[in-house]
Amino acid sequence: MFDYTVLSPFIQDPMITDINYNGYDLWCDHLKKGRYKVHSFQFHDQIQQLAYRFANHVNQTFNPKTPLVEAQFDGMRWSMIHESITSKISISIRKTPMIARLSTKSMIKESYAPAHVIEYLIDAVKNRKNILVSGLPGAGKTELIKFLTSAITPYERIITIEDTLEMHVKALYPFLDSVSMRVSDQFNYEDAIKAALRQRPDWILVSEVRSKEVYYLLQSMSTGTHCLSTLHASNAKQIPQRLMHMIPGHDLSYDQMISLIHDAIDIGVHVQSVITKKGIHRCIKEVVLFSLNELNQPHCEIVYDNSLELKKIQSEDEACI
C-alpha cells in the first residue's frame, strides 16, 4: 500500500477524474462540480515529499538529469515534471478505474446522446463497422470506446493496444475473448499492430492513433480486421485529414491515401466536454459516415450534429456569470 498523504481525499473520491498540481495550487476535475481549485491548499512541502516517494516507489529516478516520471500505478496514470524544468514540481494524475462510466441509461439521462444515436453506434459495432472517436484530451474518448466494446459479439477475438492500460476490457467484460498489449520504448505501436495481426484478431482496439502506425492499422482493416480507436481532432469530419498527416513517407499518392482511409474507416464520432457552472457536460457532438461514391471519390455524410445544443448550453452558462 502506498500512502498518498495529502492527496488521499482526492484520490479516494470516485467523482474526481483528474488531479493537477502546478506548484502553487491544486486543481481537480469533478464529474459533477466541473473543474475547480482547492482553496486554502497549503501542503506544498508534503506534496514535494510525496512526489519523490512516489518516484522511488515505482523505481524511477526523479532529478534534474531525469526530470520526467511517467507511471501507471494503482488505477492511475501519473506524470511528474521536476522543478528544474518547471521551477516548481508539476504533477498530473489521471484516474483509470476498472469501471464503465457510460451506459445506455446514463447516456440518455445525462444528455450525452439521444437514444437513436446510441442505438446507431451499437448496431454499427454489431455490424463490424470501423469507428474512430475524436476529441480533445479529457473529452472522454476512451470511455466511449469502453462502452462500444460491450456490443462486440462474445465469440470475436479482441486485441487491445495501449501505452497506458485504461480500457480494462478483460475486467469489464470477462465473457469476451480479449488480450491486452502494452507498448513501450522496446515494443512500439507499429510492433504491436504487426504482432496483433498474428493473434487471429477480429477486432483491434488502439487507445490512440498518433503517428505512422496508423498506416499499418489501415492495412489491417483492409484484410478484414475491425477497429475501434481514438485520435485528437477538432471535429469528426477532420478525421481523414488528421490520419493523412500521420502517414508520411509511404509510396502512395494523396488520392490513393484518401481513398484508403475512406474505404477503411466507416464512422467518425466526435466527443466534447463543456465545463459549466453546473459541472462538466460530456456528450457526442457529431457522428459522420465515411464512404467512397461510385466514382471512387471520398464522401462524408453527417449522421448526427449536436453543435447548436452545445452552443445553447455554453450561452446559458455565460448568462449565469
Protein backbone atom coordinates (compact mmCIF):
# COMPACT_ATOMS: atom_id res chain seq x y z
CA MET A 1 0.00 0.00 0.00
CA PHE A 2 1.26 3.47 -0.91
CA ASP A 3 0.37 6.38 1.36
CA TYR A 4 -0.88 9.32 -0.72
CA THR A 5 -0.99 11.53 2.40
CA VAL A 6 -2.46 14.96 1.49
CA LEU A 7 -3.80 13.71 -1.85
CA SER A 8 -5.69 10.76 -0.33
CA PRO A 9 -9.10 12.53 -0.07
CA PHE A 10 -8.98 13.49 -3.75
CA ILE A 11 -7.71 10.10 -4.94
CA GLN A 12 -10.38 8.28 -2.94
CA ASP A 13 -13.23 10.45 -4.25
CA PRO A 14 -14.77 8.44 -7.13
CA MET A 15 -16.24 11.59 -8.68
CA ILE A 16 -12.81 13.15 -9.23
CA THR A 17 -11.26 12.04 -12.53
CA ASP A 18 -8.12 14.24 -12.70
CA ILE A 19 -5.83 15.85 -10.13
CA ASN A 20 -3.35 18.54 -11.18
CA TYR A 21 -0.76 20.35 -9.08
CA ASN A 22 1.19 23.27 -10.57
CA GLY A 23 3.49 24.01 -7.64
CA TYR A 24 1.15 26.63 -6.23
CA ASP A 25 -2.41 25.31 -6.50
CA LEU A 26 -4.23 22.01 -6.58
CA TRP A 27 -6.92 21.64 -9.26
CA CYS A 28 -9.46 18.82 -9.63
CA ASP A 29 -11.79 17.67 -12.40
CA HIS A 30 -15.07 16.56 -10.82
CA LEU A 31 -17.83 14.75 -12.72
CA LYS A 32 -20.50 16.97 -11.14
CA LYS A 33 -18.72 20.12 -9.97
CA GLY A 34 -16.58 20.60 -13.06
CA ARG A 35 -13.00 21.85 -12.74
CA TYR A 36 -12.19 23.70 -9.54
CA LYS A 37 -9.26 24.93 -7.47
CA VAL A 38 -8.90 23.52 -3.97
CA HIS A 39 -8.91 26.66 -1.83
CA SER A 40 -6.52 27.06 1.09
CA PHE A 41 -4.31 24.21 -0.09
CA GLN A 42 -1.05 24.77 1.80
CA PHE A 43 0.55 21.31 1.77
CA HIS A 44 3.35 22.14 -0.66
CA ASP A 45 6.17 20.52 1.32
CA GLN A 46 4.13 17.36 1.75
CA ILE A 47 3.36 17.16 -1.97
CA GLN A 48 7.05 17.56 -2.82
CA GLN A 49 7.93 14.72 -0.44
CA LEU A 50 5.11 12.66 -1.94
CA ALA A 51 6.48 13.17 -5.45
CA TYR A 52 9.92 11.83 -4.55
CA ARG A 53 8.47 8.94 -2.55
CA PHE A 54 6.22 8.02 -5.47
CA ALA A 55 9.12 8.06 -7.96
CA ASN A 56 11.08 5.79 -5.66
CA HIS A 57 8.07 3.51 -5.19
CA VAL A 58 7.73 2.95 -8.95
CA ASN A 59 11.53 2.51 -9.30
CA GLN A 60 12.15 5.69 -11.29
CA THR A 61 14.75 8.39 -10.82
CA PHE A 62 13.46 11.93 -10.36
CA ASN A 63 16.13 14.64 -10.54
CA PRO A 64 17.46 17.31 -12.95
CA LYS A 65 19.10 14.63 -15.14
CA THR A 66 15.88 12.57 -15.38
CA PRO A 67 13.21 15.25 -14.85
CA LEU A 68 10.18 13.27 -16.06
CA VAL A 69 8.32 10.45 -14.35
CA GLU A 70 5.58 8.63 -16.26
CA ALA A 71 3.93 5.72 -14.48
CA GLN A 72 0.74 3.74 -14.30
CA PHE A 73 0.02 2.74 -10.73
CA ASP A 74 -2.96 1.73 -8.62
CA GLY A 75 -5.51 2.51 -11.35
CA MET A 76 -4.00 5.91 -12.13
CA ARG A 77 -1.70 7.46 -14.73
CA TRP A 78 0.93 9.74 -13.19
CA SER A 79 3.01 12.37 -14.95
CA MET A 80 5.50 14.43 -12.93
CA ILE A 81 7.92 17.13 -14.12
CA HIS A 82 10.89 18.10 -11.96
CA GLU A 83 11.25 21.64 -10.63
CA SER A 84 14.49 22.05 -12.59
CA ILE A 85 12.28 22.25 -15.69
CA THR A 86 9.15 23.98 -14.41
CA SER A 87 10.57 25.94 -11.38
CA LYS A 88 8.01 24.09 -9.23
CA ILE A 89 7.10 20.40 -9.35
CA SER A 90 4.19 19.77 -11.72
CA ILE A 91 2.01 16.71 -11.17
CA SER A 92 -0.84 15.42 -13.31
CA ILE A 93 -2.86 12.38 -12.23
CA ARG A 94 -5.50 10.77 -14.44
CA LYS A 95 -7.63 8.08 -12.81
CA THR A 96 -8.19 4.99 -14.98
CA PRO A 97 -10.55 2.87 -12.86
CA MET A 98 -11.79 -0.55 -13.93
CA ILE A 99 -15.34 0.71 -14.38
CA ALA A 100 -17.51 1.66 -17.34
CA ARG A 101 -18.89 5.11 -16.63
CA LEU A 102 -21.18 5.09 -19.65
CA SER A 103 -24.33 3.03 -20.07
CA THR A 104 -27.30 3.49 -22.39
CA LYS A 105 -29.44 4.62 -19.46
CA SER A 106 -26.91 7.14 -18.11
CA MET A 107 -26.12 8.50 -21.59
CA ILE A 108 -29.77 9.29 -22.24
CA LYS A 109 -30.39 10.67 -18.73
CA GLU A 110 -27.35 12.97 -18.82
CA SER A 111 -27.99 14.13 -22.42
CA TYR A 112 -24.77 12.51 -23.60
CA ALA A 113 -26.57 11.39 -26.75
CA PRO A 114 -30.16 10.67 -27.80
CA ALA A 115 -31.36 7.07 -27.84
CA HIS A 116 -31.34 6.77 -31.64
CA VAL A 117 -27.66 7.81 -31.83
CA ILE A 118 -26.66 5.31 -29.15
CA GLU A 119 -28.60 2.59 -30.95
CA TYR A 120 -26.97 3.57 -34.25
CA LEU A 121 -23.47 3.17 -32.78
CA ILE A 122 -24.29 -0.11 -31.04
CA ASP A 123 -25.67 -1.52 -34.30
CA ALA A 124 -22.55 -0.29 -36.10
CA VAL A 125 -20.33 -2.33 -33.77
CA LYS A 126 -22.57 -5.38 -34.11
CA ASN A 127 -22.26 -4.98 -37.88
CA ARG A 128 -18.46 -4.76 -37.54
CA LYS A 129 -18.00 -1.18 -38.65
CA ASN A 130 -14.65 0.53 -38.09
CA ILE A 131 -15.09 3.51 -35.78
CA LEU A 132 -12.70 6.31 -34.82
CA VAL A 133 -13.57 8.57 -31.89
CA SER A 134 -12.07 12.07 -31.98
CA GLY A 135 -11.90 14.75 -29.35
CA LEU A 136 -9.57 16.84 -27.23
CA PRO A 137 -7.79 15.46 -24.14
CA GLY A 138 -10.23 14.82 -21.31
CA ALA A 139 -13.30 14.70 -23.54
CA GLY A 140 -13.97 11.05 -22.71
CA LYS A 141 -12.87 9.28 -25.89
CA THR A 142 -11.69 6.13 -24.11
CA GLU A 143 -14.90 5.91 -22.07
CA LEU A 144 -16.94 5.80 -25.28
CA ILE A 145 -14.67 3.07 -26.69
CA LYS A 146 -15.17 1.07 -23.47
CA PHE A 147 -18.93 1.41 -23.88
CA LEU A 148 -18.91 0.39 -27.56
CA THR A 149 -16.77 -2.65 -26.76
CA SER A 150 -19.71 -4.12 -24.86
CA ALA A 151 -21.53 -4.53 -28.20
CA ILE A 152 -18.85 -6.82 -29.67
CA THR A 153 -20.11 -10.36 -30.22
CA PRO A 154 -18.71 -12.69 -27.49
CA TYR A 155 -17.08 -15.17 -29.91
CA GLU A 156 -14.99 -12.47 -31.61
CA ARG A 157 -11.37 -12.07 -30.54
CA ILE A 158 -10.18 -8.66 -29.33
CA ILE A 159 -6.62 -7.32 -29.09
CA THR A 160 -6.22 -4.03 -27.21
CA ILE A 161 -3.08 -1.92 -27.74
CA GLU A 162 -2.31 0.85 -25.24
CA ASP A 163 0.61 2.74 -23.77
CA THR A 164 -1.36 3.11 -20.53
CA LEU A 165 -3.84 0.37 -19.67
CA GLU A 166 -7.16 2.22 -19.48
CA MET A 167 -9.70 0.15 -21.41
CA HIS A 168 -9.71 -2.80 -18.98
CA VAL A 169 -11.66 -4.99 -21.40
CA LYS A 170 -10.93 -8.26 -19.56
CA ALA A 171 -12.04 -6.82 -16.22
CA LEU A 172 -15.16 -5.12 -17.58
CA TYR A 173 -16.25 -7.85 -19.99
CA PRO A 174 -14.81 -11.18 -18.80
CA PHE A 175 -17.07 -13.06 -21.25
CA LEU A 176 -15.14 -11.59 -24.21
CA ASP A 177 -12.03 -13.18 -25.72
CA SER A 178 -9.54 -10.36 -25.21
CA VAL A 179 -5.78 -9.87 -24.97
CA SER A 180 -4.21 -6.61 -23.75
CA MET A 181 -0.91 -5.37 -25.18
CA ARG A 182 1.06 -2.55 -23.61
CA VAL A 183 3.51 -0.67 -25.80
CA SER A 184 6.89 0.58 -24.59
CA ASP A 185 10.15 2.01 -25.90
CA GLN A 186 11.15 -1.54 -26.86
CA PHE A 187 7.74 -2.52 -28.28
CA ASN A 188 6.04 0.35 -30.09
CA TYR A 189 2.58 0.70 -31.66
CA GLU A 190 3.83 -0.47 -35.05
CA ASP A 191 5.32 -3.61 -33.47
CA ALA A 192 2.13 -4.20 -31.50
CA ILE A 193 -0.17 -3.94 -34.53
CA LYS A 194 2.01 -6.34 -36.51
CA ALA A 195 2.08 -8.77 -33.58
CA ALA A 196 -1.67 -8.44 -33.07
CA LEU A 197 -2.35 -9.47 -36.67
CA ARG A 198 -0.65 -12.81 -35.93
CA GLN A 199 -3.01 -13.40 -32.99
CA ARG A 200 -6.14 -14.04 -35.09
CA PRO A 201 -7.92 -10.80 -34.15
CA ASP A 202 -11.46 -9.94 -35.15
CA TRP A 203 -11.02 -6.54 -33.51
CA ILE A 204 -8.03 -4.33 -32.76
CA LEU A 205 -8.68 -1.62 -30.19
CA VAL A 206 -5.96 1.05 -30.17
CA SER A 207 -6.07 3.54 -27.32
CA GLU A 208 -4.94 6.37 -29.57
CA VAL A 209 -3.50 6.64 -33.09
CA ARG A 210 -0.75 9.25 -33.13
CA SER A 211 1.79 8.55 -35.83
CA LYS A 212 2.87 6.34 -38.72
CA GLU A 213 1.41 3.21 -37.07
CA VAL A 214 -1.95 4.28 -38.50
CA TYR A 215 -0.77 3.05 -41.90
CA TYR A 216 -0.46 -0.50 -40.58
CA LEU A 217 -3.79 -0.14 -38.79
CA LEU A 218 -5.47 0.86 -42.07
CA GLN A 219 -3.84 -2.09 -43.79
CA SER A 220 -5.14 -4.43 -41.10
CA MET A 221 -8.68 -3.16 -41.74
CA SER A 222 -8.27 -3.85 -45.45
CA THR A 223 -7.60 -7.51 -44.57
CA GLY A 224 -10.87 -7.78 -42.65
CA THR A 225 -9.83 -6.87 -39.10
CA HIS A 226 -12.18 -4.41 -37.42
CA CYS A 227 -11.13 -1.41 -35.36
CA LEU A 228 -12.18 0.90 -32.55
CA SER A 229 -9.73 3.67 -31.77
CA THR A 230 -9.33 7.32 -30.78
CA LEU A 231 -7.37 10.32 -32.01
CA HIS A 232 -7.06 14.03 -31.33
CA ALA A 233 -9.09 16.15 -33.74
CA SER A 234 -11.31 19.23 -33.55
CA ASN A 235 -14.26 17.52 -35.26
CA ALA A 236 -15.26 14.20 -36.82
CA LYS A 237 -15.12 15.46 -40.40
CA GLN A 238 -11.44 16.26 -39.89
CA ILE A 239 -10.50 12.65 -39.09
CA PRO A 240 -9.32 11.68 -42.63
CA GLN A 241 -7.05 14.75 -42.83
CA ARG A 242 -5.63 14.05 -39.37
CA LEU A 243 -4.84 10.50 -40.46
CA MET A 244 -3.22 11.80 -43.65
CA HIS A 245 -0.81 13.91 -41.60
CA MET A 246 0.25 10.82 -39.66
CA ILE A 247 1.32 8.82 -42.72
CA PRO A 248 4.43 10.41 -44.19
CA GLY A 249 6.85 8.66 -46.49
CA HIS A 250 4.62 5.97 -47.99
CA ASP A 251 4.64 5.41 -51.73
CA LEU A 252 1.00 6.38 -52.27
CA SER A 253 -0.46 9.47 -53.89
CA TYR A 254 -2.74 11.85 -51.98
CA ASP A 255 -5.81 10.48 -53.80
CA GLN A 256 -4.77 6.88 -53.10
CA MET A 257 -4.28 7.62 -49.40
CA ILE A 258 -7.60 9.45 -49.06
CA SER A 259 -9.33 6.55 -50.80
CA LEU A 260 -7.62 4.06 -48.47
CA ILE A 261 -8.78 6.00 -45.41
CA HIS A 262 -12.38 6.40 -46.58
CA ASP A 263 -12.51 2.75 -47.57
CA ALA A 264 -11.17 1.60 -44.20
CA ILE A 265 -12.89 3.94 -41.72
CA ASP A 266 -16.68 3.66 -41.65
CA ILE A 267 -17.74 6.04 -38.89
CA GLY A 268 -16.26 9.06 -37.14
CA VAL A 269 -17.57 10.20 -33.76
CA HIS A 270 -16.56 13.43 -32.05
CA VAL A 271 -16.99 13.76 -28.29
CA GLN A 272 -16.74 17.03 -26.41
CA SER A 273 -16.70 18.18 -22.82
CA VAL A 274 -18.03 21.56 -21.77
CA ILE A 275 -17.20 22.94 -18.33
CA THR A 276 -20.16 24.89 -16.98
CA LYS A 277 -21.23 26.29 -13.62
CA LYS A 278 -23.24 23.09 -13.15
CA GLY A 279 -20.28 20.81 -13.79
CA ILE A 280 -18.67 19.01 -16.73
CA HIS A 281 -21.08 18.16 -19.54
CA ARG A 282 -19.71 15.45 -21.85
CA CYS A 283 -21.56 14.50 -24.99
CA ILE A 284 -21.35 13.29 -28.55
CA LYS A 285 -21.07 16.39 -30.71
CA GLU A 286 -21.29 14.70 -34.11
CA VAL A 287 -21.37 11.38 -35.95
CA VAL A 288 -20.30 11.12 -39.59
CA LEU A 289 -20.28 8.29 -42.09
CA PHE A 290 -17.30 7.93 -44.44
CA SER A 291 -17.56 6.17 -47.80
CA LEU A 292 -16.46 6.16 -51.44
CA ASN A 293 -19.02 7.01 -54.10
CA GLU A 294 -19.49 5.25 -57.44
CA LEU A 295 -16.59 7.27 -58.89
CA ASN A 296 -14.33 6.14 -56.02
CA GLN A 297 -14.36 9.66 -54.59
CA PRO A 298 -14.44 10.26 -50.82
CA HIS A 299 -17.78 11.17 -49.28
CA CYS A 300 -18.69 12.28 -45.76
CA GLU A 301 -22.31 12.15 -44.59
CA ILE A 302 -23.38 13.85 -41.36
CA VAL A 303 -25.49 11.40 -39.36
CA TYR A 304 -25.85 13.50 -36.19
CA ASP A 305 -24.86 17.06 -35.26
CA ASN A 306 -25.28 18.47 -31.75
CA SER A 307 -23.45 21.78 -32.31
CA LEU A 308 -26.49 24.02 -31.78
CA GLU A 309 -27.38 22.36 -28.46
CA LEU A 310 -23.80 22.76 -27.23
CA LYS A 311 -23.82 26.45 -28.15
CA LYS A 312 -27.06 26.82 -26.23
CA ILE A 313 -25.54 25.21 -23.13
CA GLN A 314 -22.50 27.49 -23.33
CA SER A 315 -24.67 30.59 -23.84
CA GLU A 316 -26.86 29.74 -20.87
CA ASP A 317 -23.77 29.22 -18.72
CA GLU A 318 -22.26 32.56 -19.79
CA ALA A 319 -25.55 34.29 -18.94
CA CYS A 320 -25.23 32.97 -15.37
CA ILE A 321 -21.83 34.60 -14.84
